[in-house]
Protein backbone atom coordinates (compact mmCIF):
# COMPACT_ATOMS: atom_id res chain seq x y z
CA UNK A 1 -31.10 69.53 -106.50
CA UNK A 2 -28.51 66.79 -107.95
CA UNK A 3 -25.39 66.57 -105.72
CA UNK A 4 -22.49 66.68 -108.41
CA UNK A 5 -21.21 63.38 -108.06
CA UNK A 6 -22.89 59.83 -106.66
CA UNK A 7 -23.21 59.36 -103.26
CA UNK A 8 -23.03 55.69 -102.75
CA UNK A 9 -24.09 53.37 -100.54
CA UNK A 10 -21.38 51.95 -98.97
CA UNK A 11 -18.56 52.62 -100.90
CA UNK A 12 -14.53 51.12 -99.77
CA UNK A 13 -12.22 53.01 -97.77
CA UNK A 14 -8.73 52.38 -98.48
CA UNK A 15 -5.17 53.63 -96.87
CA UNK A 16 -1.45 53.79 -96.83
CA UNK A 17 -1.48 50.32 -95.21
CA UNK A 18 -3.03 48.19 -98.25
CA UNK A 19 -0.80 49.77 -100.85
CA UNK A 20 2.52 48.81 -99.45
CA UNK A 21 1.20 45.06 -98.75
CA UNK A 22 -0.24 45.08 -102.27
CA UNK A 23 3.05 46.65 -103.52
CA UNK A 24 5.16 43.86 -101.48
CA UNK A 25 3.22 40.67 -102.82
CA UNK A 26 3.77 42.46 -106.34
CA UNK A 27 7.91 42.84 -105.30
CA UNK A 28 7.52 39.40 -103.83
CA UNK A 29 5.80 38.45 -107.21
CA UNK A 30 3.09 35.82 -105.41
CA UNK A 31 -0.04 37.17 -106.75
CA UNK A 32 -1.93 33.52 -106.82
CA UNK A 33 -3.46 31.73 -103.84
CA UNK A 34 -0.41 31.04 -101.90
CA UNK A 35 1.48 33.79 -99.89
CA UNK A 36 2.91 35.55 -97.07
CA UNK A 37 0.34 37.96 -96.93
CA UNK A 38 -2.37 35.33 -97.10
CA UNK A 39 -0.71 32.99 -94.25
CA UNK A 40 -0.03 36.67 -92.33
CA UNK A 41 -4.08 37.63 -92.26
CA UNK A 42 -4.77 34.14 -90.95
CA UNK A 43 -2.71 34.37 -88.20
CA UNK A 44 -4.07 37.87 -87.35
CA UNK A 45 -7.68 36.56 -87.48
CA UNK A 46 -6.29 34.38 -85.61
CA UNK A 47 -5.45 36.22 -82.71
CA UNK A 48 -8.07 38.62 -82.85
CA UNK A 49 -10.86 36.29 -83.11
CA UNK A 50 -8.91 33.23 -80.85
CA UNK A 51 -9.74 30.23 -83.21
CA UNK A 52 -7.81 29.21 -86.08
CA UNK A 53 -8.90 30.33 -89.32
CA UNK A 54 -9.36 29.99 -93.32
CA UNK A 55 -9.00 32.97 -95.83
CA UNK A 56 -11.46 32.38 -98.81
CA UNK A 57 -12.91 33.61 -101.26
CA UNK A 58 -16.07 35.11 -100.56
CA UNK A 59 -18.79 34.93 -97.97
CA UNK A 60 -20.89 33.31 -99.05
CA UNK A 61 -18.03 30.23 -99.96
CA UNK A 62 -17.66 30.12 -96.58
CA UNK A 63 -20.56 29.46 -96.22
CA UNK A 64 -21.51 26.47 -98.35
CA UNK A 65 -17.82 25.35 -96.75
CA UNK A 66 -19.44 25.59 -93.17
CA UNK A 67 -22.28 23.41 -94.17
CA UNK A 68 -20.46 20.13 -95.52
CA UNK A 69 -18.01 21.75 -92.23
CA UNK A 70 -21.55 20.66 -90.47
CA UNK A 71 -22.61 17.19 -92.25
CA UNK A 72 -25.58 18.97 -94.32
CA UNK A 73 -26.24 16.49 -97.48
CA UNK A 74 -28.86 16.16 -99.82
CA UNK A 75 -32.00 15.92 -97.76
CA UNK A 76 -31.23 17.59 -94.80
CA UNK A 77 -33.12 20.94 -93.66
CA UNK A 78 -31.21 24.02 -92.83
CA UNK A 79 -32.67 26.95 -90.99
CA UNK A 80 -32.09 30.01 -92.43
CA UNK A 81 -33.29 34.10 -91.23
CA UNK A 82 -36.08 34.63 -93.87
CA UNK A 83 -34.40 37.83 -93.36
CA UNK A 84 -31.09 37.91 -95.04
CA UNK A 85 -29.38 38.73 -98.68
CA UNK A 86 -29.00 35.28 -101.14
CA UNK A 87 -25.52 34.65 -100.57
CA UNK A 88 -26.24 33.80 -96.53
CA UNK A 89 -28.39 30.93 -97.45
CA UNK A 90 -27.98 30.13 -101.18
CA UNK A 91 -25.18 27.19 -99.96
CA UNK A 92 -28.57 25.66 -98.58
CA UNK A 93 -29.59 24.33 -102.00
CA UNK A 94 -25.43 23.55 -103.08
CA UNK A 95 -26.16 20.85 -101.08
CA UNK A 96 -29.51 19.57 -102.40
CA UNK A 97 -30.72 20.63 -98.82
CA UNK A 98 -34.07 22.02 -97.92
CA UNK A 99 -33.89 25.78 -96.86
CA UNK A 100 -36.41 26.41 -94.29
CA UNK A 101 -37.08 30.37 -92.61
CA UNK A 102 -38.06 32.28 -89.74
CA UNK A 103 -38.98 35.43 -89.82
CA UNK A 104 -37.20 38.32 -86.85
CA UNK A 105 -37.46 39.86 -84.22
CA UNK A 106 -38.09 44.02 -83.66
CA UNK A 107 -35.39 44.48 -81.20
CA UNK A 108 -32.78 43.18 -83.48
CA UNK A 109 -33.86 42.32 -86.90
CA UNK A 110 -31.82 39.33 -86.48
CA UNK A 111 -33.64 35.69 -86.58
CA UNK A 112 -36.07 35.50 -83.62
CA UNK A 113 -35.29 33.02 -80.88
CA UNK A 114 -38.38 32.22 -79.40
CA UNK A 115 -39.92 31.66 -83.07
CA UNK A 116 -36.80 29.37 -83.33
CA UNK A 117 -37.18 28.17 -80.09
CA UNK A 118 -41.08 26.92 -81.22
CA UNK A 119 -39.65 24.84 -84.61
CA UNK A 120 -36.67 23.18 -83.12
CA UNK A 121 -39.42 21.92 -80.15
CA UNK A 122 -42.05 20.42 -83.20
CA UNK A 123 -39.16 19.26 -85.01
CA UNK A 124 -37.66 17.41 -81.77
CA UNK A 125 -41.37 15.95 -80.85
CA UNK A 126 -42.07 14.73 -84.95
CA UNK A 127 -38.10 13.01 -85.25
CA UNK A 128 -36.70 15.36 -88.09
CA UNK A 129 -34.70 18.22 -86.53
CA UNK A 130 -32.93 19.95 -88.77
CA UNK A 131 -29.07 19.30 -89.55
CA UNK A 132 -28.65 23.25 -88.71
CA UNK A 133 -28.64 26.40 -88.18
CA UNK A 134 -27.79 29.50 -89.82
CA UNK A 135 -27.50 32.43 -87.62
CA UNK A 136 -27.07 36.13 -89.96
CA UNK A 137 -26.27 39.06 -88.21
CA UNK A 138 -27.96 41.68 -90.56
CA UNK A 139 -26.57 45.51 -90.77
CA UNK A 140 -24.25 44.95 -88.07
CA UNK A 141 -25.74 44.00 -85.29
CA UNK A 142 -25.59 40.29 -83.67
CA UNK A 143 -28.27 38.33 -83.15
CA UNK A 144 -29.95 37.44 -79.52
CA UNK A 145 -27.08 34.35 -79.23
CA UNK A 146 -27.55 32.79 -75.56
CA UNK A 147 -31.35 31.94 -76.48
CA UNK A 148 -30.40 30.79 -79.57
CA UNK A 149 -27.28 28.70 -78.70
CA UNK A 150 -29.37 27.16 -75.66
CA UNK A 151 -32.14 26.09 -77.52
CA UNK A 152 -29.82 24.51 -80.35
CA UNK A 153 -27.62 23.14 -77.85
CA UNK A 154 -30.49 21.33 -76.12
CA UNK A 155 -31.22 19.17 -79.73
CA UNK A 156 -28.04 19.33 -80.77
CA UNK A 157 -28.20 21.53 -83.41
CA UNK A 158 -25.27 22.51 -84.37
CA UNK A 159 -25.17 26.79 -85.40
CA UNK A 160 -23.39 28.64 -88.15
CA UNK A 161 -23.06 32.53 -87.81
CA UNK A 162 -22.98 34.06 -91.36
CA UNK A 163 -21.43 37.75 -89.48
CA UNK A 164 -20.57 38.93 -93.64
CA UNK A 165 -22.14 42.10 -92.13
CA UNK A 166 -21.06 42.00 -88.40
CA UNK A 167 -17.15 42.41 -88.85
CA UNK A 168 -15.99 44.50 -85.18
CA UNK A 169 -19.42 44.48 -83.58
CA UNK A 170 -19.90 42.52 -80.08
CA UNK A 171 -22.70 40.67 -78.07
CA UNK A 172 -21.91 40.26 -74.60
CA UNK A 173 -18.21 41.04 -75.40
CA UNK A 174 -18.31 38.53 -77.54
CA UNK A 175 -17.69 38.32 -81.11
CA UNK A 176 -19.93 37.08 -83.56
CA UNK A 177 -18.93 34.27 -86.14
CA UNK A 178 -16.80 32.40 -82.42
CA UNK A 179 -20.18 31.55 -80.29
CA UNK A 180 -21.09 28.85 -83.08
CA UNK A 181 -19.22 25.92 -84.21
CA UNK A 182 -18.52 27.54 -87.26
CA UNK A 183 -18.32 31.70 -88.33
CA UNK A 184 -18.24 32.97 -91.61
CA UNK A 185 -16.93 36.36 -92.35
CA UNK A 186 -17.61 38.50 -95.81
CA UNK A 187 -14.35 40.94 -97.30
CA UNK A 188 -17.06 42.35 -100.20
CA UNK A 189 -16.09 45.25 -101.68
CA UNK A 190 -18.85 47.42 -99.95
CA UNK A 191 -18.29 45.88 -96.58
CA UNK A 192 -17.06 48.09 -93.49
CA UNK A 193 -13.35 46.50 -94.42
CA UNK A 194 -12.83 45.16 -97.25
CA UNK A 195 -10.54 42.97 -99.60
CA UNK A 196 -11.88 43.67 -102.73
CA UNK A 197 -13.35 40.65 -102.26
CA UNK A 198 -13.35 37.42 -99.44
CA UNK A 199 -13.88 36.04 -96.71
CA UNK A 200 -12.22 33.97 -93.61
CA UNK A 201 -14.18 31.37 -91.96
CA UNK A 202 -13.16 29.99 -88.38
CA UNK A 203 -14.12 26.93 -86.13
CA UNK A 204 -13.47 25.79 -83.11
CA UNK A 205 -11.75 22.46 -84.35
CA UNK A 206 -9.36 22.83 -85.78
CA UNK A 207 -9.67 19.61 -87.47
CA UNK A 208 -12.66 21.70 -89.47
CA UNK A 209 -10.78 24.39 -90.31
CA UNK A 210 -7.88 22.21 -92.27
CA UNK A 211 -10.97 20.45 -93.81
CA UNK A 212 -11.78 23.78 -95.04
CA UNK A 213 -8.88 24.71 -96.58
CA UNK A 214 -8.24 21.69 -98.30
CA UNK A 215 -11.28 22.02 -99.42
CA UNK A 216 -11.23 25.35 -100.86
CA UNK A 217 -8.31 24.73 -102.68
CA UNK A 218 -9.69 21.96 -104.77
CA UNK A 219 -9.32 18.83 -102.90
CA UNK A 220 -5.82 18.42 -103.99
CA UNK A 221 -4.59 15.28 -101.90
CA UNK A 222 -1.07 15.63 -100.39
CA UNK A 223 2.15 14.82 -103.29
CA UNK A 224 3.98 16.21 -106.19
CA UNK A 225 0.78 14.08 -108.82
CA UNK A 226 -2.54 15.48 -109.15
CA UNK A 227 -4.51 13.82 -107.16
CA UNK A 228 -8.53 14.15 -106.17
CA UNK A 229 -9.64 11.78 -103.99
CA UNK A 230 -13.09 13.99 -102.99
CA UNK A 231 -14.74 17.02 -105.12
CA UNK A 232 -12.96 20.68 -104.60
CA UNK A 233 -14.09 23.83 -104.87
CA UNK A 234 -11.76 26.94 -105.77
CA UNK A 235 -12.05 29.15 -102.67
CA UNK A 236 -8.96 30.33 -101.58
CA UNK A 237 -8.63 33.28 -101.58
CA UNK A 238 -5.75 35.67 -103.99
CA UNK A 239 -2.47 36.44 -101.57
CA UNK A 240 -3.19 40.12 -103.30
CA UNK A 241 -6.60 39.96 -101.99
CA UNK A 242 -5.03 39.36 -98.50
CA UNK A 243 -2.27 42.13 -99.04
CA UNK A 244 -5.42 44.12 -98.81
CA UNK A 245 -7.02 42.76 -96.22
CA UNK A 246 -4.55 42.90 -94.01
CA UNK A 247 -3.90 46.87 -94.37
CA UNK A 248 -7.70 46.92 -93.66
CA UNK A 249 -7.94 44.94 -90.48
CA UNK A 250 -5.37 47.34 -89.44
CA UNK A 251 -8.03 49.78 -89.16
CA UNK A 252 -11.56 48.16 -88.29
CA UNK A 253 -11.91 49.51 -85.18
CA UNK A 254 -12.18 53.05 -86.58
CA UNK A 255 -14.16 52.65 -89.09
CA UNK A 256 -16.51 51.19 -86.70
CA UNK A 257 -15.98 54.45 -85.31
CA UNK A 258 -16.78 56.58 -88.24
CA UNK A 259 -19.77 53.90 -89.45
CA UNK A 260 -21.73 54.34 -86.05
CA UNK A 261 -21.08 58.35 -85.77
CA UNK A 262 -22.85 58.43 -89.32
CA UNK A 263 -25.53 56.45 -88.20
CA UNK A 264 -26.29 58.79 -84.95
CA UNK A 265 -25.67 61.65 -86.74
CA UNK A 266 -28.38 60.39 -89.35
CA UNK A 267 -30.22 59.80 -85.97
CA UNK A 268 -29.54 63.13 -84.57
CA UNK A 269 -30.95 65.29 -87.72
CA UNK A 270 -34.60 63.79 -87.75
CA UNK A 271 -34.96 63.53 -84.38
CA UNK A 272 -37.53 65.60 -84.88
CA UNK A 273 -38.47 64.45 -87.85
CA UNK A 274 -41.92 61.96 -87.30
CA UNK A 275 -41.88 58.07 -88.76
CA UNK A 276 -37.89 58.14 -89.22
CA UNK A 277 -36.49 56.14 -86.85
CA UNK A 278 -33.21 54.16 -86.35
CA UNK A 279 -32.97 50.30 -87.06
CA UNK A 280 -32.92 49.85 -82.60
CA UNK A 281 -29.60 49.23 -80.99
CA UNK A 282 -29.64 45.96 -79.03
CA UNK A 283 -28.01 46.38 -75.70
CA UNK A 284 -26.51 43.16 -75.37
CA UNK A 285 -23.45 44.44 -77.86
CA UNK A 286 -22.18 46.72 -79.79
CA UNK A 287 -24.29 47.37 -83.06
CA UNK A 288 -21.58 48.53 -85.47
CA UNK A 289 -24.07 50.11 -88.33
CA UNK A 290 -22.33 48.62 -91.48
CA UNK A 291 -25.70 50.69 -93.16
CA UNK A 292 -27.84 52.81 -91.83
CA UNK A 293 -31.23 51.97 -91.79
CA UNK A 294 -34.02 53.87 -90.63
CA UNK A 295 -37.92 52.12 -90.83
CA UNK A 296 -40.77 55.07 -92.90
CA UNK A 297 -43.69 54.75 -91.68
CA UNK A 298 -45.38 56.84 -93.99
CA UNK A 299 -49.18 57.88 -92.94
CA UNK A 300 -46.61 59.66 -89.79
CA UNK A 301 -44.14 60.79 -92.06
CA UNK A 302 -46.08 61.54 -95.22
CA UNK A 303 -44.69 59.38 -97.99
CA UNK A 304 -44.13 56.34 -98.68
CA UNK A 305 -40.01 54.43 -98.36
CA UNK A 306 -40.13 53.88 -102.06
CA UNK A 307 -40.85 57.03 -102.60
CA UNK A 308 -38.00 58.64 -100.56
CA UNK A 309 -35.53 56.06 -102.84
CA UNK A 310 -37.27 58.08 -105.66
CA UNK A 311 -35.98 61.62 -104.10
CA UNK A 312 -32.57 60.57 -103.13
CA UNK A 313 -31.86 59.19 -105.84
CA UNK A 314 -33.19 62.47 -108.35
CA UNK A 315 -30.02 63.58 -106.64
CA UNK A 316 -28.03 61.04 -107.00
CA UNK A 317 -27.70 59.37 -103.54
CA UNK A 318 -28.50 55.94 -103.75
CA UNK A 319 -30.42 54.78 -100.81
CA UNK A 320 -31.47 50.44 -100.73
CA UNK A 321 -34.56 49.12 -99.22
CA UNK A 322 -33.60 46.49 -96.70
CA UNK A 323 -32.94 43.02 -97.56
CA UNK A 324 -36.14 41.17 -99.43
CA UNK A 325 -37.40 37.98 -97.30
CA UNK A 326 -36.08 34.84 -98.66
CA UNK A 327 -39.44 32.96 -98.86
CA UNK A 328 -40.76 36.40 -100.73
CA UNK A 329 -38.03 35.74 -103.45
CA UNK A 330 -39.30 33.74 -107.02
CA UNK A 331 -35.93 31.06 -105.69
CA UNK A 332 -37.94 30.45 -102.50
CA UNK A 333 -41.53 30.05 -103.47
CA UNK A 334 -43.06 27.04 -101.61
CA UNK A 335 -40.42 27.16 -99.13
CA UNK A 336 -41.29 26.56 -95.48
CA UNK A 337 -41.48 30.18 -93.39
CA UNK A 338 -41.83 30.12 -89.91
CA UNK A 339 -44.00 33.94 -89.07
CA UNK A 340 -42.96 35.89 -92.06
CA UNK A 341 -44.74 39.50 -91.42
CA UNK A 342 -42.06 41.24 -89.44
CA UNK A 343 -39.40 40.15 -92.33
CA UNK A 344 -42.23 41.43 -94.74
CA UNK A 345 -42.42 44.80 -92.85
CA UNK A 346 -38.74 45.92 -92.48
CA UNK A 347 -38.23 45.78 -96.10
CA UNK A 348 -41.61 47.59 -96.98
CA UNK A 349 -40.57 50.41 -94.80
CA UNK A 350 -36.87 49.68 -94.28
CA UNK A 351 -34.30 52.33 -95.76
CA UNK A 352 -30.19 51.52 -95.84
CA UNK A 353 -28.95 55.14 -96.13
CA UNK A 354 -25.38 55.73 -97.75
CA UNK A 355 -22.85 54.37 -94.75
CA UNK A 356 -19.44 55.22 -96.04
CA UNK A 357 -16.99 55.24 -93.20
CA UNK A 358 -15.47 57.98 -95.95
CA UNK A 359 -18.39 59.86 -96.28
CA UNK A 360 -18.09 63.96 -96.00
CA UNK A 361 -19.62 65.82 -93.24
CA UNK A 362 -20.89 67.81 -96.38
CA UNK A 363 -22.33 65.17 -98.92
CA UNK A 364 -23.79 64.01 -95.73
CA UNK A 365 -25.45 67.45 -94.88
CA UNK A 366 -26.63 66.83 -98.52
CA UNK A 367 -28.63 63.70 -97.65
CA UNK A 368 -30.23 64.97 -94.68
CA UNK A 369 -31.03 67.77 -96.53
CA UNK A 370 -32.76 65.77 -99.53
CA UNK A 371 -34.48 63.69 -96.33
CA UNK A 372 -36.02 67.16 -94.54
CA UNK A 373 -37.24 68.51 -97.34
CA UNK A 374 -39.12 65.48 -98.53
CA UNK A 375 -40.85 65.88 -95.31
CA UNK A 376 -40.97 69.46 -95.72
CA UNK A 377 -42.80 69.85 -99.28
CA UNK A 378 -45.53 67.43 -98.18
CA UNK A 379 -46.15 68.87 -94.99
CA UNK A 380 -46.35 71.65 -96.40
CA UNK A 381 -48.93 70.69 -99.29
CA UNK A 382 -50.65 68.93 -97.53
CA UNK A 383 -51.98 71.76 -95.10
CA UNK A 384 -52.36 73.83 -98.23
């Protein structure tokens, strides 16, 4: 059975505020990288996060600027989780630095604090600490930041938080992205709220945010002439994108509630099926379940994760694997990795199901029924 249209993994969910603000931007004729909505988005996000902010072209641009703010340069080592999206660690190579990948813990799927501690202690013993540590908060769940900040603080290694997937989540009452020295968020089209593209960078030091804004606008020096004394980038957000993002930001709490509702409805629907388990929900904070991720135990469920994705695709339902670890990517073959078996297992068995906040009950019921049918067909065939 095929659904009459594609049920996508995670699609934008627009409302009335977005159209109103975009219309205002057009009527005011501010559609480039300056304008009232750009200024207002930064002000509103600073109120939300409690930190100075700058609106930028993408989350990846924010990671790049964040690494530069932390002093990363050619030849430095930068620690990154191996289970992440490429955009979260490729900027290490932009600066000709060297990535060192660290495995996940099973409790959160994020970077393992114990392995990170062991790595930093070994590096300290030989006198070559990394320049920075990137901590990604995956699929809407925060990494366990307290032990991470303790060990990084002990060795004076700054932390860049990649909160691209975790806007709206929390860690012991704190907002992800505001715990390390620099935090980065994504407003890409598939995120929990979106500007169609774009991102935001925050930092505890306002001078860093000012510097990031300078670099993001081609590092143009003050004055009437086009003078440049530093290398800059075309990383500034447009006023149109900011207008959309402002409208989306007004419904962040609602979107989090809707995404969590989708995940827990799946969980309830599969509660009697062996071998399919929702991503852990760490006790230390709110997991937005930006994506509803499950682990498939092929031996107990009866079919593999890949076969289940194929079944759903045949039914016109988009489902995807959990991120492929960076140390298995052709681009990063040969890079140092601490551990790796957990991330490899999560990638091999992890499936991301349709998670849109606008997912209708009928659409989700269709997905649930196809998964239950796949299980029933296999178990029935095995019985005969």
